[in-house]
Amino acid sequence: MRRDVEPLQRRFAAIGQLSDPHWLGYNPNDSGRESIPDQDPRIRVVGVARLPAGTVNSILSAAGYAFEPSAPSQLPDELAEFLPKNAEWVSSADYDDHITNSHYPGRFHLAPATDQVYFDTVNPEIVDGSHPQ
């Protein structure tokens, strides 16, 4: 379990200021049985972080994203304890594209009551031109 915020902040700058992260980065295709390392690893970066108070409601009020209720899927067991209980998560494919700039697969769920973001991405990269809302 990682707790450092800087690698996330650089990749997800468009979300805003992140704090109190709990996240994992790993190759979901690596069984550990191969003798030759994966030449093109797909690193899944998944976790949860907090945003400053009111940030999620500010994001939700921005025009053009069409957020809908959604629940994080394929949640790693190691992260379950760090997600807010009974959270009402929302997400938007358009918002996902805004954060990733369509450069990598990623899903971002927001919890308005707790100002938290749950992210599930593959090979997230630093996207030029990303900026906070």
N, C-alpha and C. Protein backbone atom coordinates (compact mmCIF):
# COMPACT_ATOMS: atom_id res chain seq x y z
N MET A 1 0.85 -1.18 0.00
CA MET A 1 0.00 0.00 0.00
C MET A 1 0.89 1.24 0.00
N ARG A 2 0.63 2.10 -0.95
CA ARG A 2 1.42 3.33 -1.03
C ARG A 2 0.62 4.49 -0.47
N ARG A 3 1.35 5.47 0.09
CA ARG A 3 0.71 6.65 0.69
C ARG A 3 1.25 7.95 0.12
N ASP A 4 2.23 7.88 -0.79
CA ASP A 4 2.82 9.10 -1.33
C ASP A 4 1.87 9.74 -2.34
N VAL A 5 1.78 11.05 -2.29
CA VAL A 5 0.82 11.77 -3.12
C VAL A 5 1.45 12.31 -4.41
N GLU A 6 2.74 12.56 -4.42
CA GLU A 6 3.38 13.23 -5.55
C GLU A 6 3.20 12.50 -6.89
N PRO A 7 3.39 11.17 -6.97
CA PRO A 7 3.18 10.51 -8.27
C PRO A 7 1.74 10.64 -8.77
N LEU A 8 0.79 10.63 -7.86
CA LEU A 8 -0.62 10.79 -8.24
C LEU A 8 -0.91 12.22 -8.68
N GLN A 9 -0.41 13.17 -7.91
CA GLN A 9 -0.66 14.58 -8.20
C GLN A 9 -0.15 14.95 -9.58
N ARG A 10 1.01 14.42 -9.97
CA ARG A 10 1.56 14.71 -11.29
C ARG A 10 0.70 14.13 -12.40
N ARG A 11 0.16 12.94 -12.18
CA ARG A 11 -0.63 12.27 -13.23
C ARG A 11 -2.09 12.75 -13.27
N PHE A 12 -2.62 13.12 -12.14
CA PHE A 12 -4.04 13.50 -12.06
C PHE A 12 -4.19 14.97 -11.69
N ALA A 13 -3.33 15.82 -12.22
CA ALA A 13 -3.33 17.24 -11.87
C ALA A 13 -4.67 17.91 -12.14
N ALA A 14 -5.38 17.47 -13.16
CA ALA A 14 -6.65 18.10 -13.52
C ALA A 14 -7.73 17.91 -12.47
N ILE A 15 -7.57 16.95 -11.57
CA ILE A 15 -8.56 16.73 -10.52
C ILE A 15 -8.49 17.83 -9.48
N GLY A 16 -7.29 18.24 -9.12
CA GLY A 16 -7.09 19.23 -8.06
C GLY A 16 -6.11 18.70 -7.03
N GLN A 17 -6.01 19.36 -5.91
CA GLN A 17 -5.04 19.02 -4.86
C GLN A 17 -5.48 17.75 -4.13
N LEU A 18 -4.68 16.71 -4.19
CA LEU A 18 -4.96 15.43 -3.53
C LEU A 18 -4.26 15.36 -2.18
N SER A 19 -4.89 14.65 -1.25
CA SER A 19 -4.26 14.38 0.05
C SER A 19 -4.74 13.03 0.57
N ASP A 20 -4.09 12.54 1.60
CA ASP A 20 -4.44 11.30 2.27
C ASP A 20 -4.70 10.13 1.31
N PRO A 21 -3.76 9.87 0.38
CA PRO A 21 -3.98 8.79 -0.57
C PRO A 21 -3.67 7.41 0.01
N HIS A 22 -4.35 6.42 -0.53
CA HIS A 22 -4.06 5.00 -0.30
C HIS A 22 -4.17 4.37 -1.69
N TRP A 23 -3.06 3.84 -2.20
CA TRP A 23 -3.10 3.34 -3.56
C TRP A 23 -2.12 2.20 -3.81
N LEU A 24 -2.38 1.51 -4.91
CA LEU A 24 -1.55 0.39 -5.33
C LEU A 24 -1.16 0.60 -6.79
N GLY A 25 0.02 0.16 -7.15
CA GLY A 25 0.47 0.13 -8.53
C GLY A 25 1.08 -1.23 -8.80
N TYR A 26 0.52 -1.98 -9.75
CA TYR A 26 1.00 -3.33 -10.01
C TYR A 26 0.61 -3.78 -11.41
N ASN A 27 1.27 -4.81 -11.91
CA ASN A 27 0.95 -5.41 -13.19
C ASN A 27 -0.05 -6.53 -12.93
N PRO A 28 -1.33 -6.35 -13.30
CA PRO A 28 -2.32 -7.38 -13.04
C PRO A 28 -2.10 -8.65 -13.84
N ASN A 29 -1.27 -8.60 -14.87
CA ASN A 29 -1.01 -9.77 -15.71
C ASN A 29 0.20 -10.56 -15.26
N ASP A 30 0.91 -10.09 -14.24
CA ASP A 30 2.13 -10.75 -13.78
C ASP A 30 1.79 -11.80 -12.74
N SER A 31 1.92 -13.05 -13.13
CA SER A 31 1.64 -14.14 -12.20
C SER A 31 2.86 -14.47 -11.35
N GLY A 32 4.02 -13.94 -11.74
CA GLY A 32 5.24 -14.24 -11.01
C GLY A 32 5.87 -15.56 -11.43
N ARG A 33 5.24 -16.27 -12.37
CA ARG A 33 5.73 -17.57 -12.79
C ARG A 33 6.59 -17.51 -14.04
N GLU A 34 6.55 -16.40 -14.76
CA GLU A 34 7.32 -16.29 -15.99
C GLU A 34 8.78 -16.05 -15.66
N SER A 35 9.65 -16.63 -16.48
CA SER A 35 11.08 -16.41 -16.26
C SER A 35 11.55 -15.15 -16.97
N ILE A 36 10.80 -14.72 -17.99
CA ILE A 36 11.14 -13.50 -18.71
C ILE A 36 10.15 -12.42 -18.30
N PRO A 37 10.62 -11.27 -17.86
CA PRO A 37 9.69 -10.21 -17.45
C PRO A 37 8.83 -9.72 -18.60
N ASP A 38 7.66 -9.26 -18.29
CA ASP A 38 6.73 -8.71 -19.26
C ASP A 38 7.40 -7.53 -19.96
N GLN A 39 7.51 -7.59 -21.28
CA GLN A 39 8.19 -6.53 -22.02
C GLN A 39 7.34 -5.27 -22.17
N ASP A 40 6.04 -5.40 -22.02
CA ASP A 40 5.13 -4.26 -22.14
C ASP A 40 4.13 -4.32 -21.00
N PRO A 41 4.59 -4.07 -19.76
CA PRO A 41 3.69 -4.23 -18.62
C PRO A 41 2.54 -3.23 -18.63
N ARG A 42 1.41 -3.70 -18.19
CA ARG A 42 0.24 -2.84 -18.02
C ARG A 42 0.12 -2.61 -16.52
N ILE A 43 0.53 -1.45 -16.07
CA ILE A 43 0.53 -1.15 -14.65
C ILE A 43 -0.81 -0.54 -14.25
N ARG A 44 -1.51 -1.24 -13.38
CA ARG A 44 -2.78 -0.74 -12.86
C ARG A 44 -2.48 0.11 -11.63
N VAL A 45 -2.94 1.35 -11.67
CA VAL A 45 -2.81 2.26 -10.53
C VAL A 45 -4.23 2.52 -10.05
N VAL A 46 -4.51 2.07 -8.83
CA VAL A 46 -5.86 2.14 -8.29
C VAL A 46 -5.79 2.58 -6.84
N GLY A 47 -6.73 3.45 -6.44
CA GLY A 47 -6.70 3.91 -5.06
C GLY A 47 -7.74 4.97 -4.78
N VAL A 48 -7.60 5.58 -3.63
CA VAL A 48 -8.53 6.62 -3.18
C VAL A 48 -7.72 7.75 -2.57
N ALA A 49 -8.22 8.98 -2.74
CA ALA A 49 -7.56 10.16 -2.16
C ALA A 49 -8.64 11.19 -1.82
N ARG A 50 -8.26 12.12 -0.98
CA ARG A 50 -9.19 13.18 -0.55
C ARG A 50 -8.86 14.47 -1.32
N LEU A 51 -9.92 15.23 -1.59
CA LEU A 51 -9.81 16.55 -2.21
C LEU A 51 -10.21 17.60 -1.18
N PRO A 52 -9.80 18.85 -1.37
CA PRO A 52 -10.21 19.89 -0.42
C PRO A 52 -11.75 19.98 -0.33
N ALA A 53 -12.23 20.39 0.82
CA ALA A 53 -13.67 20.49 1.06
C ALA A 53 -14.36 21.29 -0.04
N GLY A 54 -15.44 20.74 -0.55
CA GLY A 54 -16.24 21.41 -1.57
C GLY A 54 -15.78 21.19 -3.00
N THR A 55 -14.61 20.57 -3.19
CA THR A 55 -14.08 20.38 -4.54
C THR A 55 -14.97 19.48 -5.39
N VAL A 56 -15.44 18.38 -4.83
CA VAL A 56 -16.27 17.46 -5.62
C VAL A 56 -17.55 18.15 -6.08
N ASN A 57 -18.21 18.88 -5.19
CA ASN A 57 -19.42 19.58 -5.61
C ASN A 57 -19.13 20.61 -6.68
N SER A 58 -17.98 21.24 -6.63
CA SER A 58 -17.57 22.19 -7.66
C SER A 58 -17.40 21.47 -9.00
N ILE A 59 -16.77 20.31 -8.99
CA ILE A 59 -16.58 19.52 -10.21
C ILE A 59 -17.94 19.10 -10.76
N LEU A 60 -18.83 18.64 -9.87
CA LEU A 60 -20.14 18.16 -10.31
C LEU A 60 -20.99 19.26 -10.91
N SER A 61 -20.78 20.49 -10.49
CA SER A 61 -21.59 21.60 -11.01
C SER A 61 -21.06 22.13 -12.34
N ALA A 62 -19.88 21.70 -12.75
CA ALA A 62 -19.33 22.13 -14.04
C ALA A 62 -20.17 21.54 -15.18
N ALA A 63 -20.43 22.35 -16.17
CA ALA A 63 -21.27 21.91 -17.30
C ALA A 63 -20.53 20.90 -18.17
N GLY A 64 -21.29 19.98 -18.74
CA GLY A 64 -20.76 19.11 -19.77
C GLY A 64 -20.30 17.73 -19.37
N TYR A 65 -20.34 17.38 -18.09
CA TYR A 65 -19.82 16.07 -17.71
C TYR A 65 -20.89 15.00 -17.53
N ALA A 66 -22.12 15.34 -17.24
CA ALA A 66 -23.21 14.37 -17.08
C ALA A 66 -22.85 13.22 -16.13
N PHE A 67 -22.55 13.57 -14.88
CA PHE A 67 -22.24 12.56 -13.88
C PHE A 67 -23.48 11.72 -13.58
N GLU A 68 -23.25 10.44 -13.33
CA GLU A 68 -24.32 9.51 -12.97
C GLU A 68 -23.84 8.64 -11.80
N PRO A 69 -24.79 8.11 -11.02
CA PRO A 69 -24.40 7.21 -9.94
C PRO A 69 -23.62 6.01 -10.49
N SER A 70 -22.56 5.66 -9.80
CA SER A 70 -21.76 4.50 -10.20
C SER A 70 -20.96 4.03 -9.00
N ALA A 71 -20.64 2.77 -9.00
CA ALA A 71 -19.85 2.22 -7.91
C ALA A 71 -18.52 1.71 -8.45
N PRO A 72 -17.43 1.92 -7.73
CA PRO A 72 -16.16 1.36 -8.16
C PRO A 72 -16.27 -0.15 -8.32
N SER A 73 -15.65 -0.69 -9.35
CA SER A 73 -15.67 -2.14 -9.56
C SER A 73 -14.25 -2.68 -9.48
N GLN A 74 -14.14 -3.98 -9.34
CA GLN A 74 -12.85 -4.66 -9.24
C GLN A 74 -11.95 -4.03 -8.18
N LEU A 75 -12.56 -3.70 -7.05
CA LEU A 75 -11.84 -3.09 -5.93
C LEU A 75 -10.88 -4.10 -5.29
N PRO A 76 -9.58 -3.79 -5.27
CA PRO A 76 -8.65 -4.68 -4.58
C PRO A 76 -8.98 -4.75 -3.09
N ASP A 77 -8.90 -5.94 -2.53
CA ASP A 77 -9.23 -6.14 -1.11
C ASP A 77 -8.43 -5.22 -0.20
N GLU A 78 -7.18 -4.93 -0.56
CA GLU A 78 -6.32 -4.10 0.28
C GLU A 78 -6.84 -2.67 0.42
N LEU A 79 -7.68 -2.23 -0.51
CA LEU A 79 -8.18 -0.85 -0.48
C LEU A 79 -9.54 -0.70 0.20
N ALA A 80 -10.25 -1.77 0.36
CA ALA A 80 -11.64 -1.71 0.85
C ALA A 80 -11.79 -0.90 2.14
N GLU A 81 -10.88 -1.06 3.07
CA GLU A 81 -11.01 -0.37 4.36
C GLU A 81 -10.83 1.15 4.26
N PHE A 82 -10.28 1.63 3.15
CA PHE A 82 -10.01 3.06 3.02
C PHE A 82 -11.11 3.82 2.27
N LEU A 83 -12.08 3.11 1.74
CA LEU A 83 -13.20 3.76 1.07
C LEU A 83 -14.27 4.11 2.10
N PRO A 84 -14.91 5.26 1.94
CA PRO A 84 -15.95 5.65 2.91
C PRO A 84 -17.12 4.66 2.86
N LYS A 85 -17.62 4.34 4.03
CA LYS A 85 -18.76 3.43 4.12
C LYS A 85 -20.00 4.11 3.56
N ASN A 86 -20.80 3.37 2.81
CA ASN A 86 -22.07 3.86 2.26
C ASN A 86 -21.92 5.10 1.39
N ALA A 87 -20.78 5.25 0.75
CA ALA A 87 -20.57 6.42 -0.12
C ALA A 87 -21.49 6.33 -1.34
N GLU A 88 -21.95 7.47 -1.79
CA GLU A 88 -22.73 7.55 -3.01
C GLU A 88 -21.81 8.10 -4.09
N TRP A 89 -21.20 7.19 -4.85
CA TRP A 89 -20.23 7.54 -5.86
C TRP A 89 -20.92 7.95 -7.15
N VAL A 90 -20.28 8.87 -7.88
CA VAL A 90 -20.73 9.27 -9.21
C VAL A 90 -19.52 9.27 -10.14
N SER A 91 -19.79 9.11 -11.43
CA SER A 91 -18.71 9.17 -12.42
C SER A 91 -19.27 9.64 -13.75
N SER A 92 -18.37 9.95 -14.64
CA SER A 92 -18.73 10.46 -15.96
C SER A 92 -17.63 10.07 -16.95
N ALA A 93 -17.99 9.45 -18.05
CA ALA A 93 -17.00 9.10 -19.07
C ALA A 93 -16.33 10.36 -19.63
N ASP A 94 -17.09 11.44 -19.75
CA ASP A 94 -16.51 12.70 -20.24
C ASP A 94 -15.48 13.26 -19.26
N TYR A 95 -15.77 13.13 -17.96
CA TYR A 95 -14.81 13.60 -16.96
C TYR A 95 -13.55 12.72 -16.98
N ASP A 96 -13.75 11.41 -17.13
CA ASP A 96 -12.59 10.51 -17.24
C ASP A 96 -11.68 10.95 -18.39
N ASP A 97 -12.29 11.24 -19.55
CA ASP A 97 -11.51 11.68 -20.70
C ASP A 97 -10.80 13.01 -20.43
N HIS A 98 -11.44 13.88 -19.67
CA HIS A 98 -10.82 15.16 -19.30
C HIS A 98 -9.55 14.92 -18.47
N ILE A 99 -9.62 14.03 -17.51
CA ILE A 99 -8.47 13.76 -16.63
C ILE A 99 -7.35 13.05 -17.40
N THR A 100 -7.70 12.06 -18.19
CA THR A 100 -6.70 11.27 -18.91
C THR A 100 -6.29 11.89 -20.24
N ASN A 101 -7.03 12.90 -20.67
CA ASN A 101 -6.83 13.50 -21.99
C ASN A 101 -6.87 12.42 -23.07
N SER A 102 -7.63 11.34 -22.77
CA SER A 102 -7.79 10.19 -23.67
C SER A 102 -6.47 9.51 -24.02
N HIS A 103 -5.44 9.64 -23.16
CA HIS A 103 -4.14 9.03 -23.41
C HIS A 103 -4.00 7.63 -22.79
N TYR A 104 -4.82 7.30 -21.82
CA TYR A 104 -4.74 6.00 -21.15
C TYR A 104 -6.10 5.67 -20.56
N PRO A 105 -6.38 4.38 -20.33
CA PRO A 105 -7.66 4.01 -19.72
C PRO A 105 -7.71 4.45 -18.26
N GLY A 106 -8.82 5.03 -17.88
CA GLY A 106 -8.97 5.45 -16.49
C GLY A 106 -10.41 5.73 -16.15
N ARG A 107 -10.78 5.40 -14.92
CA ARG A 107 -12.13 5.66 -14.41
C ARG A 107 -11.96 6.38 -13.09
N PHE A 108 -12.73 7.46 -12.90
CA PHE A 108 -12.64 8.29 -11.70
C PHE A 108 -14.03 8.43 -11.09
N HIS A 109 -14.20 7.93 -9.88
CA HIS A 109 -15.46 8.02 -9.16
C HIS A 109 -15.30 9.07 -8.07
N LEU A 110 -16.30 9.91 -7.92
CA LEU A 110 -16.27 10.98 -6.92
C LEU A 110 -17.35 10.75 -5.87
N ALA A 111 -17.02 11.04 -4.61
CA ALA A 111 -17.97 10.93 -3.50
C ALA A 111 -18.20 12.34 -2.95
N PRO A 112 -19.33 12.97 -3.29
CA PRO A 112 -19.58 14.35 -2.86
C PRO A 112 -19.61 14.54 -1.34
N ALA A 113 -20.14 13.59 -0.60
CA ALA A 113 -20.28 13.75 0.85
C ALA A 113 -18.94 13.77 1.57
N THR A 114 -17.93 13.11 0.99
CA THR A 114 -16.63 13.01 1.67
C THR A 114 -15.50 13.68 0.90
N ASP A 115 -15.80 14.26 -0.27
CA ASP A 115 -14.78 14.88 -1.12
C ASP A 115 -13.62 13.92 -1.39
N GLN A 116 -13.98 12.71 -1.80
CA GLN A 116 -12.96 11.72 -2.14
C GLN A 116 -13.08 11.32 -3.60
N VAL A 117 -11.97 10.90 -4.15
CA VAL A 117 -11.93 10.37 -5.51
C VAL A 117 -11.35 8.97 -5.45
N TYR A 118 -12.01 8.06 -6.15
CA TYR A 118 -11.51 6.69 -6.33
C TYR A 118 -11.06 6.61 -7.78
N PHE A 119 -9.84 6.20 -8.02
CA PHE A 119 -9.31 6.12 -9.38
C PHE A 119 -8.87 4.71 -9.69
N ASP A 120 -9.08 4.31 -10.93
CA ASP A 120 -8.68 2.99 -11.41
C ASP A 120 -8.18 3.21 -12.83
N THR A 121 -6.86 3.15 -13.01
CA THR A 121 -6.25 3.50 -14.28
C THR A 121 -5.25 2.43 -14.71
N VAL A 122 -4.88 2.46 -15.98
CA VAL A 122 -3.85 1.58 -16.51
C VAL A 122 -2.80 2.44 -17.19
N ASN A 123 -1.56 2.28 -16.75
CA ASN A 123 -0.42 3.04 -17.28
C ASN A 123 -0.70 4.55 -17.31
N PRO A 124 -1.11 5.13 -16.19
CA PRO A 124 -1.38 6.57 -16.21
C PRO A 124 -0.10 7.35 -16.48
N GLU A 125 -0.20 8.30 -17.35
CA GLU A 125 0.96 9.10 -17.69
C GLU A 125 0.70 10.56 -17.35
N ILE A 126 1.76 11.32 -17.31
CA ILE A 126 1.62 12.75 -17.08
C ILE A 126 1.15 13.35 -18.40
N VAL A 127 0.01 14.02 -18.33
CA VAL A 127 -0.63 14.55 -19.53
C VAL A 127 -0.32 16.05 -19.62
N ASP A 128 0.33 16.46 -20.69
CA ASP A 128 0.61 17.88 -20.90
C ASP A 128 -0.70 18.64 -21.03
N GLY A 129 -0.74 19.82 -20.46
CA GLY A 129 -1.94 20.63 -20.56
C GLY A 129 -2.97 20.35 -19.50
N SER A 130 -2.72 19.36 -18.63
CA SER A 130 -3.66 19.09 -17.55
C SER A 130 -3.62 20.24 -16.56
N HIS A 131 -4.77 20.62 -16.11
CA HIS A 131 -4.83 21.67 -15.11
C HIS A 131 -6.08 21.45 -14.26
N PRO A 132 -6.06 21.88 -13.02
CA PRO A 132 -7.20 21.70 -12.14
C PRO A 132 -8.42 22.43 -12.67
N GLN A 133 -9.57 21.97 -12.23
CA GLN A 133 -10.85 22.61 -12.59
C GLN A 133 -10.87 24.02 -12.10
